[in-house]
């Protein structure tokens, strides 16, 4: 009996982690036969959990309206957890934003509709006192997270920095939070290439597209976002020799403001860009680390001029 109960809890956890499961996949994960899986599914249904046969495939899906297994939260606890996760997803607690989005996507998959209404009502009248900057609707984050989890293509409206808008079709893979912004790493089916999208400029269209077969990511998702943002088509692309170990410079440099390349144990090169020479000069100078401008020549001259101006101000 204990073995059966433990297997039922594991089956519930699997059904929550992914939207659709085939009977064979569940049997392999649980180490039982497909016939045993069918019996366990019937037991779950008998306990009140709505496990449905997935349309079009010989598989199973945990439907909405379950009692939040295996946490067994009551209504008040479920509302509190969902609101807390939405708040954390907004970046109020550093370091847990991405985890909060994944947990929120899993929770909202099985929330009864009556609780969704309560949570949305509370969220609509709550105004956070937070520093200015771009914000992302938690509903958008959970929709993207669910598409990443279930390998469903996304169609969305996307706004470029110059204000122009376009409709994009992409295979979503990862959400990356940098501390200030959310980014989506996806395969753009129209451009036939990997792209990084700012989530605050993105509006998903529903329903989502068909399922896709995942392809290997070009690199670690966080590293790819850092590279993509740092190498954006800025007017000035700079290479700065920093006279400090790469680990020391990394503590002072935002991963979305530049890419670091180790030279030796005492120095590294910062690759960064901007449309403003003033912004580049101040960004590097305020790190408190000695540096040497390698490129572009305009930045060398600009730093020299700025140094003279500061010298006159100090005297």
C-alpha atoms as a PDB file:
ATOM      1  CA  UNK A   1       0.000   0.000   0.000  1.00  0.00           C
ATOM      2  CA  UNK A   2       2.838   2.420   0.888  1.00  0.00           C
ATOM      3  CA  UNK A   3       4.564   1.666  -2.409  1.00  0.00           C
ATOM      4  CA  UNK A   4       1.330   2.341  -4.315  1.00  0.00           C
ATOM      5  CA  UNK A   5       0.750   5.649  -2.470  1.00  0.00           C
ATOM      6  CA  UNK A   6       4.298   6.820  -3.191  1.00  0.00           C
ATOM      7  CA  UNK A   7       3.863   5.913  -6.850  1.00  0.00           C
ATOM      8  CA  UNK A   8       0.588   7.871  -7.022  1.00  0.00           C
ATOM      9  CA  UNK A   9       2.315  10.974  -5.621  1.00  0.00           C
ATOM     10  CA  UNK A  10       5.117  10.591  -8.152  1.00  0.00           C
ATOM     11  CA  UNK A  11       2.551  10.178 -10.934  1.00  0.00           C
ATOM     12  CA  UNK A  12       0.823  13.387  -9.800  1.00  0.00           C
ATOM     13  CA  UNK A  13       4.132  15.225  -9.804  1.00  0.00           C
ATOM     14  CA  UNK A  14       4.916  14.044 -13.351  1.00  0.00           C
ATOM     15  CA  UNK A  15       1.505  15.117 -14.609  1.00  0.00           C
ATOM     16  CA  UNK A  16       2.110  18.582 -13.172  1.00  0.00           C
ATOM     17  CA  UNK A  17       5.606  18.971 -14.611  1.00  0.00           C
ATOM     18  CA  UNK A  18       4.502  18.553 -18.223  1.00  0.00           C
ATOM     19  CA  UNK A  19       1.181  19.052 -19.962  1.00  0.00           C
ATOM     20  CA  UNK A  20       0.961  15.807 -21.973  1.00  0.00           C
ATOM     21  CA  UNK A  21       2.362  12.353 -21.213  1.00  0.00           C
ATOM     22  CA  UNK A  22       2.020   9.134 -23.138  1.00  0.00           C
ATOM     23  CA  UNK A  23       1.252   5.975 -21.211  1.00  0.00           C
ATOM     24  CA  UNK A  24       4.582   4.483 -22.264  1.00  0.00           C
ATOM     25  CA  UNK A  25       6.522   7.518 -20.982  1.00  0.00           C
ATOM     26  CA  UNK A  26       4.801   7.386 -17.619  1.00  0.00           C
ATOM     27  CA  UNK A  27       5.378   3.643 -17.352  1.00  0.00           C
ATOM     28  CA  UNK A  28       9.100   4.129 -18.032  1.00  0.00           C
ATOM     29  CA  UNK A  29       9.427   6.933 -15.474  1.00  0.00           C
ATOM     30  CA  UNK A  30       7.562   4.973 -12.799  1.00  0.00           C
ATOM     31  CA  UNK A  31       9.189   1.622 -13.571  1.00  0.00           C
ATOM     32  CA  UNK A  32       5.873  -0.166 -14.070  1.00  0.00           C
ATOM     33  CA  UNK A  33       3.819  -1.535 -16.951  1.00  0.00           C
ATOM     34  CA  UNK A  34       1.352   0.592 -18.985  1.00  0.00           C
ATOM     35  CA  UNK A  35      -1.439  -1.502 -17.457  1.00  0.00           C
ATOM     36  CA  UNK A  36      -0.334  -0.410 -13.959  1.00  0.00           C
ATOM     37  CA  UNK A  37      -0.293   3.199 -15.134  1.00  0.00           C
ATOM     38  CA  UNK A  38      -3.908   2.849 -16.286  1.00  0.00           C
ATOM     39  CA  UNK A  39      -4.891   1.457 -12.892  1.00  0.00           C
ATOM     40  CA  UNK A  40      -3.060   4.279 -11.081  1.00  0.00           C
ATOM     41  CA  UNK A  41      -4.766   6.873 -13.263  1.00  0.00           C
ATOM     42  CA  UNK A  42      -8.123   5.333 -12.354  1.00  0.00           C
ATOM     43  CA  UNK A  43      -7.152   5.591  -8.654  1.00  0.00           C
ATOM     44  CA  UNK A  44      -6.339   9.280  -9.078  1.00  0.00           C
ATOM     45  CA  UNK A  45      -9.666   9.860 -10.781  1.00  0.00           C
ATOM     46  CA  UNK A  46     -11.359   8.073  -7.919  1.00  0.00           C
ATOM     47  CA  UNK A  47      -9.664  10.490  -5.511  1.00  0.00           C
ATOM     48  CA  UNK A  48     -11.096  13.438  -7.444  1.00  0.00           C
ATOM     49  CA  UNK A  49      -8.151  14.434  -9.626  1.00  0.00           C
ATOM     50  CA  UNK A  50      -9.274  15.160 -13.213  1.00  0.00           C
ATOM     51  CA  UNK A  51      -6.798  13.151 -15.283  1.00  0.00           C
ATOM     52  CA  UNK A  52      -7.969  13.332 -18.891  1.00  0.00           C
ATOM     53  CA  UNK A  53      -7.023  11.300 -21.926  1.00  0.00           C
ATOM     54  CA  UNK A  54      -5.025  13.717 -24.106  1.00  0.00           C
ATOM     55  CA  UNK A  55      -6.780  14.382 -27.413  1.00  0.00           C
ATOM     56  CA  UNK A  56      -5.170  12.814 -30.458  1.00  0.00           C
ATOM     57  CA  UNK A  57      -2.576  10.761 -28.583  1.00  0.00           C
ATOM     58  CA  UNK A  58      -2.602   7.720 -26.342  1.00  0.00           C
ATOM     59  CA  UNK A  59      -1.709   9.684 -23.233  1.00  0.00           C
ATOM     60  CA  UNK A  60      -2.803  11.618 -20.178  1.00  0.00           C
ATOM     61  CA  UNK A  61      -3.170  15.201 -19.018  1.00  0.00           C
ATOM     62  CA  UNK A  62      -3.930  16.653 -15.583  1.00  0.00           C
ATOM     63  CA  UNK A  63      -6.842  19.019 -16.018  1.00  0.00           C
ATOM     64  CA  UNK A  64      -7.682  22.275 -14.266  1.00  0.00           C
ATOM     65  CA  UNK A  65      -9.740  22.123 -11.106  1.00  0.00           C
ATOM     66  CA  UNK A  66      -7.562  19.718  -9.143  1.00  0.00           C
ATOM     67  CA  UNK A  67      -6.896  20.320  -5.443  1.00  0.00           C
ATOM     68  CA  UNK A  68      -3.319  21.422  -6.185  1.00  0.00           C
ATOM     69  CA  UNK A  69      -1.581  18.074  -5.721  1.00  0.00           C
ATOM     70  CA  UNK A  70       0.674  17.146  -4.094  1.00  0.00           C
ATOM     71  CA  UNK A  71       0.710  20.299  -1.897  1.00  0.00           C
ATOM     72  CA  UNK A  72      -2.961  19.970  -0.961  1.00  0.00           C
ATOM     73  CA  UNK A  73      -3.370  23.714  -0.394  1.00  0.00           C
ATOM     74  CA  UNK A  74      -6.715  25.165   0.618  1.00  0.00           C
ATOM     75  CA  UNK A  75      -8.210  28.111  -1.287  1.00  0.00           C
ATOM     76  CA  UNK A  76      -6.702  30.810   0.954  1.00  0.00           C
ATOM     77  CA  UNK A  77      -3.231  29.249   0.793  1.00  0.00           C
ATOM     78  CA  UNK A  78      -3.440  28.857  -2.986  1.00  0.00           C
ATOM     79  CA  UNK A  79      -4.311  32.539  -3.435  1.00  0.00           C
ATOM     80  CA  UNK A  80      -1.488  33.589  -1.103  1.00  0.00           C
ATOM     81  CA  UNK A  81       1.072  31.434  -2.935  1.00  0.00           C
ATOM     82  CA  UNK A  82      -0.007  32.621  -6.392  1.00  0.00           C
ATOM     83  CA  UNK A  83       0.079  36.303  -5.400  1.00  0.00           C
ATOM     84  CA  UNK A  84       3.478  35.827  -3.768  1.00  0.00           C
ATOM     85  CA  UNK A  85       4.856  34.125  -6.875  1.00  0.00           C
ATOM     86  CA  UNK A  86       3.541  36.900  -9.121  1.00  0.00           C
ATOM     87  CA  UNK A  87       5.184  39.501  -6.901  1.00  0.00           C
ATOM     88  CA  UNK A  88       8.490  37.602  -6.869  1.00  0.00           C
ATOM     89  CA  UNK A  89       8.343  37.190 -10.640  1.00  0.00           C
ATOM     90  CA  UNK A  90       8.332  40.963 -10.913  1.00  0.00           C
ATOM     91  CA  UNK A  91      11.804  41.080  -9.401  1.00  0.00           C
ATOM     92  CA  UNK A  92      11.013  42.129  -5.846  1.00  0.00           C
ATOM     93  CA  UNK A  93      13.259  39.385  -4.448  1.00  0.00           C
ATOM     94  CA  UNK A  94      16.547  39.133  -6.326  1.00  0.00           C
ATOM     95  CA  UNK A  95      17.603  35.725  -7.560  1.00  0.00           C
ATOM     96  CA  UNK A  96      14.252  33.892  -7.550  1.00  0.00           C
ATOM     97  CA  UNK A  97      12.461  35.529 -10.480  1.00  0.00           C
ATOM     98  CA  UNK A  98      12.925  32.706 -13.008  1.00  0.00           C
ATOM     99  CA  UNK A  99      12.096  30.027 -10.427  1.00  0.00           C
ATOM    100  CA  UNK A 100       8.962  31.959  -9.463  1.00  0.00           C
ATOM    101  CA  UNK A 101       7.771  32.049 -13.082  1.00  0.00           C
ATOM    102  CA  UNK A 102       8.237  28.287 -13.475  1.00  0.00           C
ATOM    103  CA  UNK A 103       6.395  27.616 -10.224  1.00  0.00           C
ATOM    104  CA  UNK A 104       3.622  30.061 -11.160  1.00  0.00           C
ATOM    105  CA  UNK A 105       3.134  28.383 -14.549  1.00  0.00           C
ATOM    106  CA  UNK A 106       2.816  25.010 -12.820  1.00  0.00           C
ATOM    107  CA  UNK A 107       0.397  26.360 -10.204  1.00  0.00           C
ATOM    108  CA  UNK A 108      -1.884  28.199 -12.636  1.00  0.00           C
ATOM    109  CA  UNK A 109      -2.190  25.056 -14.774  1.00  0.00           C
ATOM    110  CA  UNK A 110      -4.352  23.431 -12.076  1.00  0.00           C
ATOM    111  CA  UNK A 111      -5.952  26.444 -10.366  1.00  0.00           C
ATOM    112  CA  UNK A 112      -9.763  26.311 -10.282  1.00  0.00           C
ATOM    113  CA  UNK A 113     -11.353  29.201 -12.179  1.00  0.00           C
ATOM    114  CA  UNK A 114     -12.879  30.671  -9.009  1.00  0.00           C
ATOM    115  CA  UNK A 115      -9.384  31.145  -7.553  1.00  0.00           C
ATOM    116  CA  UNK A 116      -8.034  32.650 -10.787  1.00  0.00           C
ATOM    117  CA  UNK A 117     -10.752  35.319 -10.563  1.00  0.00           C
ATOM    118  CA  UNK A 118      -9.811  36.139  -6.966  1.00  0.00           C
ATOM    119  CA  UNK A 119      -6.121  36.395  -7.778  1.00  0.00           C
ATOM    120  CA  UNK A 120      -6.717  38.586 -10.832  1.00  0.00           C
ATOM    121  CA  UNK A 121      -9.020  40.856  -8.835  1.00  0.00           C
ATOM    122  CA  UNK A 122      -6.430  41.301  -6.104  1.00  0.00           C
ATOM    123  CA  UNK A 123      -3.647  41.881  -8.627  1.00  0.00           C
ATOM    124  CA  UNK A 124      -5.688  44.503 -10.514  1.00  0.00           C
ATOM    125  CA  UNK A 125      -6.026  46.765  -7.461  1.00  0.00           C
ATOM    126  CA  UNK A 126      -2.507  46.285  -6.074  1.00  0.00           C
ATOM    127  CA  UNK A 127       0.077  48.946  -6.952  1.00  0.00           C
ATOM    128  CA  UNK A 128       3.686  48.032  -6.037  1.00  0.00           C
ATOM    129  CA  UNK A 129       5.999  50.804  -4.843  1.00  0.00           C
ATOM    130  CA  UNK A 130       9.045  49.939  -6.942  1.00  0.00           C
ATOM    131  CA  UNK A 131      11.794  51.828  -8.781  1.00  0.00           C
ATOM    132  CA  UNK A 132      10.893  53.120 -12.228  1.00  0.00           C
ATOM    133  CA  UNK A 133      11.580  50.995 -15.251  1.00  0.00           C
ATOM    134  CA  UNK A 134       9.970  48.537 -17.618  1.00  0.00           C
ATOM    135  CA  UNK A 135       7.571  45.979 -16.184  1.00  0.00           C
ATOM    136  CA  UNK A 136       6.218  42.701 -17.527  1.00  0.00           C
ATOM    137  CA  UNK A 137       2.725  41.315 -16.930  1.00  0.00           C
ATOM    138  CA  UNK A 138       3.058  38.044 -14.935  1.00  0.00           C
ATOM    139  CA  UNK A 139       0.367  36.547 -17.204  1.00  0.00           C
ATOM    140  CA  UNK A 140       2.674  37.121 -20.183  1.00  0.00           C
ATOM    141  CA  UNK A 141       5.571  35.462 -18.356  1.00  0.00           C
ATOM    142  CA  UNK A 142       3.538  32.402 -17.399  1.00  0.00           C
ATOM    143  CA  UNK A 143       2.136  32.077 -20.934  1.00  0.00           C
ATOM    144  CA  UNK A 144       5.665  32.095 -22.361  1.00  0.00           C
ATOM    145  CA  UNK A 145       6.954  29.742 -19.658  1.00  0.00           C
ATOM    146  CA  UNK A 146       4.153  27.265 -20.440  1.00  0.00           C
ATOM    147  CA  UNK A 147       4.979  27.416 -24.167  1.00  0.00           C
ATOM    148  CA  UNK A 148       8.659  26.773 -23.387  1.00  0.00           C
ATOM    149  CA  UNK A 149       7.754  23.845 -21.144  1.00  0.00           C
ATOM    150  CA  UNK A 150       5.301  22.258 -23.595  1.00  0.00           C
ATOM    151  CA  UNK A 151       7.327  22.979 -26.778  1.00  0.00           C
ATOM    152  CA  UNK A 152       4.515  25.024 -28.332  1.00  0.00           C
ATOM    153  CA  UNK A 153       5.291  27.647 -30.966  1.00  0.00           C
ATOM    154  CA  UNK A 154       4.467  31.242 -30.091  1.00  0.00           C
ATOM    155  CA  UNK A 155       2.970  33.947 -32.296  1.00  0.00           C
ATOM    156  CA  UNK A 156       3.321  37.418 -30.879  1.00  0.00           C
ATOM    157  CA  UNK A 157       3.346  41.108 -31.684  1.00  0.00           C
ATOM    158  CA  UNK A 158       6.799  42.606 -31.187  1.00  0.00           C
ATOM    159  CA  UNK A 159       7.716  46.275 -30.872  1.00  0.00           C
ATOM    160  CA  UNK A 160      11.173  47.365 -32.049  1.00  0.00           C
ATOM    161  CA  UNK A 161      13.147  50.113 -30.212  1.00  0.00           C
ATOM    162  CA  UNK A 162      12.148  52.595 -32.950  1.00  0.00           C
ATOM    163  CA  UNK A 163       8.453  51.853 -32.357  1.00  0.00           C
ATOM    164  CA  UNK A 164       7.800  49.743 -35.451  1.00  0.00           C
ATOM    165  CA  UNK A 165       5.769  46.592 -34.834  1.00  0.00           C
ATOM    166  CA  UNK A 166       5.740  43.174 -36.462  1.00  0.00           C
ATOM    167  CA  UNK A 167       4.150  39.772 -35.966  1.00  0.00           C
ATOM    168  CA  UNK A 168       6.696  37.072 -35.146  1.00  0.00           C
ATOM    169  CA  UNK A 169       6.478  33.296 -35.071  1.00  0.00           C
ATOM    170  CA  UNK A 170       9.038  31.529 -32.888  1.00  0.00           C
ATOM    171  CA  UNK A 171       9.940  28.346 -31.053  1.00  0.00           C
ATOM    172  CA  UNK A 172      10.426  29.464 -27.408  1.00  0.00           C
ATOM    173  CA  UNK A 173      13.171  27.845 -25.328  1.00  0.00           C
ATOM    174  CA  UNK A 174      14.220  29.861 -22.254  1.00  0.00           C
ATOM    175  CA  UNK A 175      13.276  32.920 -20.214  1.00  0.00           C
ATOM    176  CA  UNK A 176      16.254  34.843 -18.803  1.00  0.00           C
ATOM    177  CA  UNK A 177      16.032  37.534 -16.126  1.00  0.00           C
ATOM    178  CA  UNK A 178      18.920  39.999 -15.874  1.00  0.00           C
ATOM    179  CA  UNK A 179      17.847  41.893 -12.768  1.00  0.00           C
ATOM    180  CA  UNK A 180      16.248  44.705 -14.794  1.00  0.00           C
ATOM    181  CA  UNK A 181      14.587  43.017 -17.764  1.00  0.00           C
ATOM    182  CA  UNK A 182      13.192  39.700 -19.004  1.00  0.00           C
ATOM    183  CA  UNK A 183      14.413  38.170 -22.276  1.00  0.00           C
ATOM    184  CA  UNK A 184      13.101  35.255 -24.349  1.00  0.00           C
ATOM    185  CA  UNK A 185      15.582  33.038 -26.195  1.00  0.00           C
ATOM    186  CA  UNK A 186      13.799  31.552 -29.219  1.00  0.00           C
ATOM    187  CA  UNK A 187      14.259  30.215 -32.736  1.00  0.00           C
ATOM    188  CA  UNK A 188      12.678  32.749 -35.107  1.00  0.00           C
ATOM    189  CA  UNK A 189      10.945  30.660 -37.796  1.00  0.00           C
ATOM    190  CA  UNK A 190      10.677  33.646 -40.163  1.00  0.00           C
ATOM    191  CA  UNK A 191      14.392  34.576 -39.935  1.00  0.00           C
ATOM    192  CA  UNK A 192      15.489  30.940 -39.551  1.00  0.00           C
ATOM    193  CA  UNK A 193      17.892  31.903 -36.789  1.00  0.00           C
ATOM    194  CA  UNK A 194      18.189  32.283 -33.028  1.00  0.00           C
ATOM    195  CA  UNK A 195      16.912  35.553 -31.596  1.00  0.00           C
ATOM    196  CA  UNK A 196      16.652  37.310 -28.221  1.00  0.00           C
ATOM    197  CA  UNK A 197      13.384  39.176 -27.553  1.00  0.00           C
ATOM    198  CA  UNK A 198      12.692  41.655 -24.765  1.00  0.00           C
ATOM    199  CA  UNK A 199       9.540  40.380 -23.066  1.00  0.00           C
ATOM    200  CA  UNK A 200       8.261  43.871 -22.203  1.00  0.00           C
ATOM    201  CA  UNK A 201       8.034  44.549 -25.961  1.00  0.00           C
ATOM    202  CA  UNK A 202       6.187  41.285 -26.630  1.00  0.00           C
ATOM    203  CA  UNK A 203       2.444  40.576 -26.669  1.00  0.00           C
ATOM    204  CA  UNK A 204       1.570  36.869 -27.107  1.00  0.00           C
ATOM    205  CA  UNK A 205      -1.264  35.872 -29.429  1.00  0.00           C
ATOM    206  CA  UNK A 206      -3.589  33.051 -28.500  1.00  0.00           C
ATOM    207  CA  UNK A 207      -3.919  30.234 -29.010  1.00  0.00           C
ATOM    208  CA  UNK A 208      -0.330  29.043 -29.169  1.00  0.00           C
ATOM    209  CA  UNK A 209       0.922  27.301 -32.290  1.00  0.00           C
ATOM    210  CA  UNK A 210       1.620  23.614 -32.899  1.00  0.00           C
ATOM    211  CA  UNK A 211       4.214  21.637 -30.981  1.00  0.00           C
ATOM    212  CA  UNK A 212       7.772  21.597 -32.274  1.00  0.00           C
ATOM    213  CA  UNK A 213      10.751  19.283 -31.945  1.00  0.00           C
ATOM    214  CA  UNK A 214      13.357  21.002 -29.738  1.00  0.00           C
ATOM    215  CA  UNK A 215      16.702  21.823 -31.345  1.00  0.00           C
ATOM    216  CA  UNK A 216      20.004  22.262 -29.452  1.00  0.00           C
ATOM    217  CA  UNK A 217      20.517  25.717 -27.983  1.00  0.00           C
ATOM    218  CA  UNK A 218      23.465  27.662 -29.460  1.00  0.00           C
ATOM    219  CA  UNK A 219      24.925  28.187 -25.965  1.00  0.00           C
ATOM    220  CA  UNK A 220      23.964  28.562 -22.341  1.00  0.00           C
ATOM    221  CA  UNK A 221      20.827  30.716 -22.392  1.00  0.00           C
ATOM    222  CA  UNK A 222      22.171  33.370 -19.997  1.00  0.00           C
ATOM    223  CA  UNK A 223      25.470  33.604 -21.903  1.00  0.00           C
ATOM    224  CA  UNK A 224      23.610  33.859 -25.204  1.00  0.00           C
ATOM    225  CA  UNK A 225      21.467  36.741 -23.935  1.00  0.00           C
ATOM    226  CA  UNK A 226      24.555  38.527 -22.624  1.00  0.00           C
ATOM    227  CA  UNK A 227      26.292  38.151 -25.989  1.00  0.00           C
ATOM    228  CA  UNK A 228      23.203  39.185 -27.966  1.00  0.00           C
ATOM    229  CA  UNK A 229      22.519  42.315 -25.932  1.00  0.00           C
ATOM    230  CA  UNK A 230      26.171  43.369 -25.758  1.00  0.00           C
ATOM    231  CA  UNK A 231      26.611  42.982 -29.533  1.00  0.00           C
ATOM    232  CA  UNK A 232      23.426  44.843 -30.473  1.00  0.00           C
ATOM    233  CA  UNK A 233      23.791  47.195 -33.490  1.00  0.00           C
ATOM    234  CA  UNK A 234      25.023  50.197 -31.504  1.00  0.00           C
ATOM    235  CA  UNK A 235      26.705  53.085 -33.293  1.00  0.00           C
ATOM    236  CA  UNK A 236      29.927  52.523 -31.344  1.00  0.00           C
ATOM    237  CA  UNK A 237      31.385  49.084 -30.614  1.00  0.00           C
ATOM    238  CA  UNK A 238      34.138  49.276 -27.999  1.00  0.00           C
ATOM    239  CA  UNK A 239      36.958  47.038 -26.786  1.00  0.00           C
ATOM    240  CA  UNK A 240      38.350  48.047 -23.406  1.00  0.00           C
ATOM    241  CA  UNK A 241      41.411  46.453 -21.808  1.00  0.00           C
ATOM    242  CA  UNK A 242      40.621  46.214 -18.089  1.00  0.00           C
ATOM    243  CA  UNK A 243      43.636  45.909 -15.774  1.00  0.00           C
ATOM    244  CA  UNK A 244      42.018  43.466 -13.364  1.00  0.00           C
ATOM    245  CA  UNK A 245      41.153  39.746 -13.399  1.00  0.00           C
ATOM    246  CA  UNK A 246      37.995  38.823 -15.276  1.00  0.00           C
ATOM    247  CA  UNK A 247      36.355  37.676 -12.021  1.00  0.00           C
ATOM    248  CA  UNK A 248      36.863  41.111 -10.448  1.00  0.00           C
ATOM    249  CA  UNK A 249      35.505  42.980 -13.471  1.00  0.00           C
ATOM    250  CA  UNK A 250      32.504  40.624 -13.671  1.00  0.00           C
ATOM    251  CA  UNK A 251      31.429  41.761 -10.204  1.00  0.00           C
ATOM    252  CA  UNK A 252      31.244  45.352 -11.452  1.00  0.00           C
ATOM    253  CA  UNK A 253      29.856  44.803 -14.973  1.00  0.00           C
ATOM    254  CA  UNK A 254      26.280  43.924 -15.883  1.00  0.00           C
ATOM    255  CA  UNK A 255      26.056  40.813 -18.108  1.00  0.00           C
ATOM    256  CA  UNK A 256      23.740  42.719 -20.471  1.00  0.00           C
ATOM    257  CA  UNK A 257      26.081  45.706 -20.789  1.00  0.00           C
ATOM    258  CA  UNK A 258      29.081  43.852 -22.121  1.00  0.00           C
ATOM    259  CA  UNK A 259      30.937  40.605 -22.697  1.00  0.00           C
ATOM    260  CA  UNK A 260      34.194  39.805 -20.894  1.00  0.00           C
ATOM    261  CA  UNK A 261      37.138  37.977 -22.445  1.00  0.00           C
ATOM    262  CA  UNK A 262      40.036  36.891 -20.222  1.00  0.00           C
ATOM    263  CA  UNK A 263      43.533  37.892 -21.414  1.00  0.00           C
ATOM    264  CA  UNK A 264      45.621  36.575 -18.521  1.00  0.00           C
ATOM    265  CA  UNK A 265      45.362  36.332 -14.744  1.00  0.00           C
ATOM    266  CA  UNK A 266      45.665  40.106 -14.349  1.00  0.00           C
ATOM    267  CA  UNK A 267      43.615  41.567 -17.210  1.00  0.00           C
ATOM    268  CA  UNK A 268      40.617  41.058 -19.498  1.00  0.00           C
ATOM    269  CA  UNK A 269      38.882  42.738 -22.428  1.00  0.00           C
ATOM    270  CA  UNK A 270      35.429  44.225 -22.101  1.00  0.00           C
ATOM    271  CA  UNK A 271      33.362  44.167 -25.308  1.00  0.00           C
ATOM    272  CA  UNK A 272      30.525  46.666 -25.086  1.00  0.00           C
ATOM    273  CA  UNK A 273      28.577  49.141 -27.182  1.00  0.00           C
ATOM    274  CA  UNK A 274      26.504  52.298 -27.072  1.00  0.00           C
ATOM    275  CA  UNK A 275      25.119  55.069 -29.242  1.00  0.00           C
ATOM    276  CA  UNK A 276      26.845  57.616 -26.990  1.00  0.00           C
ATOM    277  CA  UNK A 277      30.581  58.135 -26.442  1.00  0.00           C
ATOM    278  CA  UNK A 278      29.827  59.882 -23.138  1.00  0.00           C
ATOM    279  CA  UNK A 279      27.887  56.850 -21.953  1.00  0.00           C
ATOM    280  CA  UNK A 280      30.732  54.489 -22.877  1.00  0.00           C
ATOM    281  CA  UNK A 281      33.389  56.647 -21.222  1.00  0.00           C
ATOM    282  CA  UNK A 282      31.473  57.076 -17.971  1.00  0.00           C
ATOM    283  CA  UNK A 283      30.364  53.435 -17.849  1.00  0.00           C
ATOM    284  CA  UNK A 284      33.975  52.233 -17.925  1.00  0.00           C
ATOM    285  CA  UNK A 285      35.480  55.032 -15.813  1.00  0.00           C
ATOM    286  CA  UNK A 286      33.045  54.539 -12.946  1.00  0.00           C
ATOM    287  CA  UNK A 287      34.067  50.891 -12.494  1.00  0.00           C
ATOM    288  CA  UNK A 288      37.030  52.028 -10.353  1.00  0.00           C
ATOM    289  CA  UNK A 289      39.423  49.870 -12.396  1.00  0.00           C
ATOM    290  CA  UNK A 290      42.328  51.090 -14.535  1.00  0.00           C
ATOM    291  CA  UNK A 291      41.632  50.600 -18.224  1.00  0.00           C
ATOM    292  CA  UNK A 292      42.904  51.256 -21.725  1.00  0.00           C
ATOM    293  CA  UNK A 293      40.660  51.955 -24.730  1.00  0.00           C
ATOM    294  CA  UNK A 294      41.544  49.708 -27.672  1.00  0.00           C
ATOM    295  CA  UNK A 295      38.640  50.595 -29.985  1.00  0.00           C
ATOM    296  CA  UNK A 296      37.127  52.716 -31.427  1.00  0.00           C
ATOM    297  CA  UNK A 297      39.517  55.652 -32.069  1.00  0.00           C
ATOM    298  CA  UNK A 298      36.698  58.132 -31.427  1.00  0.00           C
ATOM    299  CA  UNK A 299      36.388  56.838 -27.864  1.00  0.00           C
ATOM    300  CA  UNK A 300      40.145  57.285 -27.274  1.00  0.00           C
ATOM    301  CA  UNK A 301      39.896  60.953 -28.240  1.00  0.00           C
ATOM    302  CA  UNK A 302      36.687  61.381 -26.256  1.00  0.00           C
ATOM    303  CA  UNK A 303      38.237  59.952 -23.068  1.00  0.00           C
ATOM    304  CA  UNK A 304      41.265  62.264 -23.481  1.00  0.00           C
ATOM    305  CA  UNK A 305      38.971  65.292 -23.853  1.00  0.00           C
ATOM    306  CA  UNK A 306      36.866  64.208 -20.888  1.00  0.00           C
ATOM    307  CA  UNK A 307      39.997  63.724 -18.735  1.00  0.00           C
ATOM    308  CA  UNK A 308      41.172  67.279 -19.508  1.00  0.00           C
ATOM    309  CA  UNK A 309      37.750  68.688 -18.692  1.00  0.00           C
ATOM    310  CA  UNK A 310      37.639  66.834 -15.369  1.00  0.00           C
ATOM    311  CA  UNK A 311      41.183  67.957 -14.592  1.00  0.00           C
ATOM    312  CA  UNK A 312      40.232  71.589 -15.122  1.00  0.00           C
ATOM    313  CA  UNK A 313      37.179  71.136 -12.925  1.00  0.00           C
ATOM    314  CA  UNK A 314      39.291  69.652 -10.124  1.00  0.00           C
ATOM    315  CA  UNK A 315      41.844  72.470 -10.278  1.00  0.00           C
END
